[in-house]
């Protein structure tokens, strides 16, 4: 296996002074240590503090700390698990790429699901474990991580879901032949929770040229 380096495509050189900020405005080293907390009151009661696990107390304060309306903290809770990869700007342009097109668009589905949960007077949580692309690793040792990923990710997803003990149900959003089986295995391994699987669907075919499935064989051709 070879690594091809293209001099014209090198990243910008960064000096040690750039890293350390030598000569930079001292204000850039000012670190904020305090801020105003969210407004409102967490609905603690004597019964709740005595009867509920201490993790439920702390979890409720965390929910308020992330900005959820304290008046709504006693709503039912659901978790959305997904294999989302990459980071998109609001206009859809890439900030950071995912490993494949299949998981790059899943964020939109997670947002839509979360908004629906909120509309139904529930509290949605979202957690992620992204997935690889064996189309990208063809001909490399990266292929050795393709099938084991499914088992590893399924275990991670189950651990995440169980780490929210107040959850009433799980919604899994995934795509492609690694992420979707992993999500199915994960939800099958959560027999005490109702679960729903939402496949990510397919990418649109291009008006001109080959689609992502066809182009994978270009090396062999």
Protein backbone atom coordinates (compact mmCIF):
# COMPACT_ATOMS: atom_id res chain seq x y z
CA UNK A 1 0.00 0.00 0.00
CA UNK A 2 1.36 3.42 -0.92
CA UNK A 3 0.73 6.89 0.35
CA UNK A 4 0.66 9.56 -2.31
CA UNK A 5 1.76 13.05 -1.31
CA UNK A 6 0.90 16.00 -3.51
CA UNK A 7 3.13 18.99 -2.67
CA UNK A 8 0.62 21.45 -4.08
CA UNK A 9 -1.99 20.16 -1.66
CA UNK A 10 0.02 20.54 1.55
CA UNK A 11 -1.59 22.18 4.55
CA UNK A 12 -0.40 25.60 5.67
CA UNK A 13 2.78 25.52 7.76
CA UNK A 14 2.18 26.31 11.42
CA UNK A 15 5.09 27.51 13.52
CA UNK A 16 5.62 26.86 17.22
CA UNK A 17 4.95 30.56 17.80
CA UNK A 18 1.56 30.14 16.16
CA UNK A 19 0.81 27.20 18.42
CA UNK A 20 1.89 28.98 21.61
CA UNK A 21 0.38 32.30 20.62
CA UNK A 22 3.68 34.14 21.04
CA UNK A 23 3.17 37.83 20.41
CA UNK A 24 -0.60 37.47 20.29
CA UNK A 25 -3.02 39.81 22.01
CA UNK A 26 -2.96 38.96 25.76
CA UNK A 27 -6.74 39.14 25.70
CA UNK A 28 -6.78 35.86 23.79
CA UNK A 29 -5.46 34.16 26.93
CA UNK A 30 -8.28 35.46 29.10
CA UNK A 31 -10.31 32.47 30.27
CA UNK A 32 -13.93 32.83 31.34
CA UNK A 33 -14.58 30.91 34.54
CA UNK A 34 -18.12 32.00 35.50
CA UNK A 35 -21.43 32.55 33.72
CA UNK A 36 -25.09 33.05 34.56
CA UNK A 37 -27.02 29.82 34.91
CA UNK A 38 -30.37 29.03 33.28
CA UNK A 39 -33.43 30.76 34.66
CA UNK A 40 -36.07 28.83 36.57
CA UNK A 41 -36.37 26.31 39.40
CA UNK A 42 -35.70 22.58 39.21
CA UNK A 43 -38.85 20.78 40.47
CA UNK A 44 -37.26 18.94 43.38
CA UNK A 45 -39.59 17.68 46.11
CA UNK A 46 -38.77 16.04 49.42
CA UNK A 47 -40.23 12.76 48.14
CA UNK A 48 -38.18 12.93 44.94
CA UNK A 49 -34.94 13.62 46.82
CA UNK A 50 -35.56 10.78 49.28
CA UNK A 51 -37.02 8.10 47.02
CA UNK A 52 -35.24 8.58 43.68
CA UNK A 53 -31.64 7.51 42.91
CA UNK A 54 -29.09 10.29 43.34
CA UNK A 55 -28.32 10.01 39.63
CA UNK A 56 -31.86 11.13 38.84
CA UNK A 57 -31.31 14.25 40.96
CA UNK A 58 -28.09 15.09 39.17
CA UNK A 59 -29.54 14.20 35.77
CA UNK A 60 -32.37 16.66 36.24
CA UNK A 61 -29.92 19.46 37.03
CA UNK A 62 -27.88 18.50 33.97
CA UNK A 63 -30.99 18.75 31.80
CA UNK A 64 -31.66 22.23 33.11
CA UNK A 65 -28.00 23.14 32.71
CA UNK A 66 -28.17 22.27 29.01
CA UNK A 67 -31.00 24.76 28.65
CA UNK A 68 -34.17 22.70 28.88
CA UNK A 69 -37.08 24.57 30.44
CA UNK A 70 -37.08 23.58 34.15
CA UNK A 71 -40.88 23.63 34.14
CA UNK A 72 -40.82 20.70 31.65
CA UNK A 73 -38.25 18.49 33.37
CA UNK A 74 -40.81 15.92 34.56
CA UNK A 75 -41.86 15.02 31.04
CA UNK A 76 -41.28 11.54 29.61
CA UNK A 77 -37.80 11.01 28.19
CA UNK A 78 -36.76 9.26 24.97
CA UNK A 79 -33.34 8.77 23.43
CA UNK A 80 -32.43 8.99 19.75
CA UNK A 81 -29.38 6.91 18.82
CA UNK A 82 -27.72 7.50 15.47
CA UNK A 83 -24.64 6.82 13.36
CA UNK A 84 -24.43 10.45 12.22
CA UNK A 85 -21.03 11.38 10.80
CA UNK A 86 -19.52 14.66 9.69
CA UNK A 87 -20.58 18.21 10.50
CA UNK A 88 -22.79 20.35 8.29
CA UNK A 89 -23.45 24.08 8.41
CA UNK A 90 -27.03 25.34 8.53
CA UNK A 91 -26.98 25.78 4.74
CA UNK A 92 -25.90 22.15 4.26
CA UNK A 93 -22.31 22.90 3.30
CA UNK A 94 -19.66 20.64 4.89
CA UNK A 95 -17.63 21.84 7.86
CA UNK A 96 -16.13 18.40 8.45
CA UNK A 97 -16.75 15.36 6.27
CA UNK A 98 -18.14 12.04 7.39
CA UNK A 99 -16.67 8.73 6.28
CA UNK A 100 -19.50 8.18 3.79
CA UNK A 101 -22.50 9.92 2.27
CA UNK A 102 -24.90 7.53 3.99
CA UNK A 103 -24.44 8.97 7.47
CA UNK A 104 -23.71 12.57 6.44
CA UNK A 105 -27.41 13.43 6.05
CA UNK A 106 -28.74 11.64 9.14
CA UNK A 107 -28.49 14.74 11.32
CA UNK A 108 -31.55 16.15 9.55
CA UNK A 109 -33.54 13.06 10.52
CA UNK A 110 -32.37 13.29 14.13
CA UNK A 111 -33.44 16.93 14.30
CA UNK A 112 -36.87 16.14 12.82
CA UNK A 113 -37.40 13.28 15.29
CA UNK A 114 -36.30 15.39 18.26
CA UNK A 115 -38.65 18.20 17.27
CA UNK A 116 -41.52 15.72 17.04
CA UNK A 117 -40.74 14.32 20.50
CA UNK A 118 -40.72 17.85 21.87
CA UNK A 119 -44.01 18.63 20.14
CA UNK A 120 -45.49 15.56 21.86
CA UNK A 121 -44.46 16.99 25.24
CA UNK A 122 -41.49 14.69 25.78
CA UNK A 123 -37.80 15.31 26.37
CA UNK A 124 -35.60 13.97 23.56
CA UNK A 125 -31.97 13.02 24.09
CA UNK A 126 -29.58 12.29 21.23
CA UNK A 127 -26.35 10.29 21.27
CA UNK A 128 -24.10 9.09 18.48
CA UNK A 129 -21.64 6.38 17.45
CA UNK A 130 -20.60 6.90 13.86
CA UNK A 131 -19.75 4.17 11.38
CA UNK A 132 -17.03 3.34 8.81
CA UNK A 133 -17.29 2.77 5.06
CA UNK A 134 -15.80 -0.41 3.65
CA UNK A 135 -16.09 1.10 0.20
CA UNK A 136 -13.48 3.59 1.40
CA UNK A 137 -11.26 0.90 2.93
CA UNK A 138 -11.30 -1.51 -0.02
CA UNK A 139 -7.81 -2.83 -0.72
CA UNK A 140 -6.51 -1.77 2.70
CA UNK A 141 -6.25 -3.33 6.15
CA UNK A 142 -9.12 -1.06 7.17
CA UNK A 143 -11.40 -3.80 5.82
CA UNK A 144 -10.51 -5.83 8.91
CA UNK A 145 -12.52 -3.35 11.00
CA UNK A 146 -15.66 -3.46 8.88
CA UNK A 147 -17.62 -6.43 10.23
CA UNK A 148 -16.32 -6.22 13.84
CA UNK A 149 -17.58 -2.63 13.91
CA UNK A 150 -21.16 -3.87 13.94
CA UNK A 151 -20.70 -5.77 17.19
CA UNK A 152 -18.66 -3.02 18.81
CA UNK A 153 -21.14 -0.27 17.88
CA UNK A 154 -24.12 -2.34 18.99
CA UNK A 155 -22.51 -2.72 22.39
CA UNK A 156 -21.72 1.00 22.59
CA UNK A 157 -25.29 1.93 21.65
CA UNK A 158 -26.70 -0.40 24.30
CA UNK A 159 -24.40 1.03 26.93
CA UNK A 160 -25.45 4.57 26.01
CA UNK A 161 -29.15 3.70 26.17
CA UNK A 162 -28.77 1.97 29.53
CA UNK A 163 -26.85 4.99 30.80
CA UNK A 164 -30.09 6.99 30.63
CA UNK A 165 -32.11 4.97 33.17
CA UNK A 166 -35.06 7.39 33.03
CA UNK A 167 -35.66 6.75 29.32
CA UNK A 168 -39.06 5.40 28.18
CA UNK A 169 -38.04 4.29 24.68
CA UNK A 170 -35.32 4.25 22.04
CA UNK A 171 -35.35 5.49 18.44
CA UNK A 172 -32.48 4.29 16.26
CA UNK A 173 -31.57 6.16 13.08
CA UNK A 174 -28.87 4.57 10.93
CA UNK A 175 -27.91 3.80 7.36
CA UNK A 176 -25.77 1.48 5.24
CA UNK A 177 -24.64 -2.09 5.78
CA UNK A 178 -22.56 -1.50 8.88
CA UNK A 179 -24.48 1.15 10.82
CA UNK A 180 -27.98 -0.20 10.25
CA UNK A 181 -27.21 -3.80 11.34
CA UNK A 182 -25.36 -2.40 14.36
CA UNK A 183 -28.40 -0.35 15.33
CA UNK A 184 -30.73 -3.32 14.83
CA UNK A 185 -28.51 -5.48 17.04
CA UNK A 186 -28.39 -2.72 19.64
CA UNK A 187 -32.16 -2.33 19.93
CA UNK A 188 -32.66 -6.10 19.89
CA UNK A 189 -30.36 -6.18 22.91
CA UNK A 190 -32.57 -3.76 24.84
CA UNK A 191 -35.59 -6.02 25.51
CA UNK A 192 -36.87 -3.89 28.38
CA UNK A 193 -37.27 -0.78 26.22
CA UNK A 194 -39.67 -0.19 23.33
CA UNK A 195 -37.61 0.61 20.25
CA UNK A 196 -38.13 1.85 16.71
CA UNK A 197 -35.63 1.61 13.83
CA UNK A 198 -35.60 4.31 11.14
CA UNK A 199 -33.43 3.43 8.10
CA UNK A 200 -31.54 6.35 6.65
CA UNK A 201 -32.72 5.60 3.14
CA UNK A 202 -30.80 5.93 -0.11
CA UNK A 203 -28.89 8.77 -1.72
CA UNK A 204 -30.32 10.42 -4.81
CA UNK A 205 -28.94 9.18 -8.12
CA UNK A 206 -26.99 11.81 -10.07
CA UNK A 207 -28.44 13.25 -13.26
CA UNK A 208 -25.02 12.79 -14.88
CA UNK A 209 -22.38 10.23 -13.91
CA UNK A 210 -22.29 7.18 -11.65
CA UNK A 211 -23.82 6.86 -8.21
CA UNK A 212 -21.89 5.97 -5.05
CA UNK A 213 -22.53 2.23 -5.50
CA UNK A 214 -21.35 2.08 -9.11
CA UNK A 215 -18.24 4.20 -8.61
CA UNK A 216 -16.86 1.75 -6.02
CA UNK A 217 -15.78 -0.60 -8.81
CA UNK A 218 -13.79 2.02 -10.72
CA UNK A 219 -10.47 0.62 -9.46
CA UNK A 220 -11.28 -2.87 -10.72
CA UNK A 221 -12.43 -1.55 -14.06
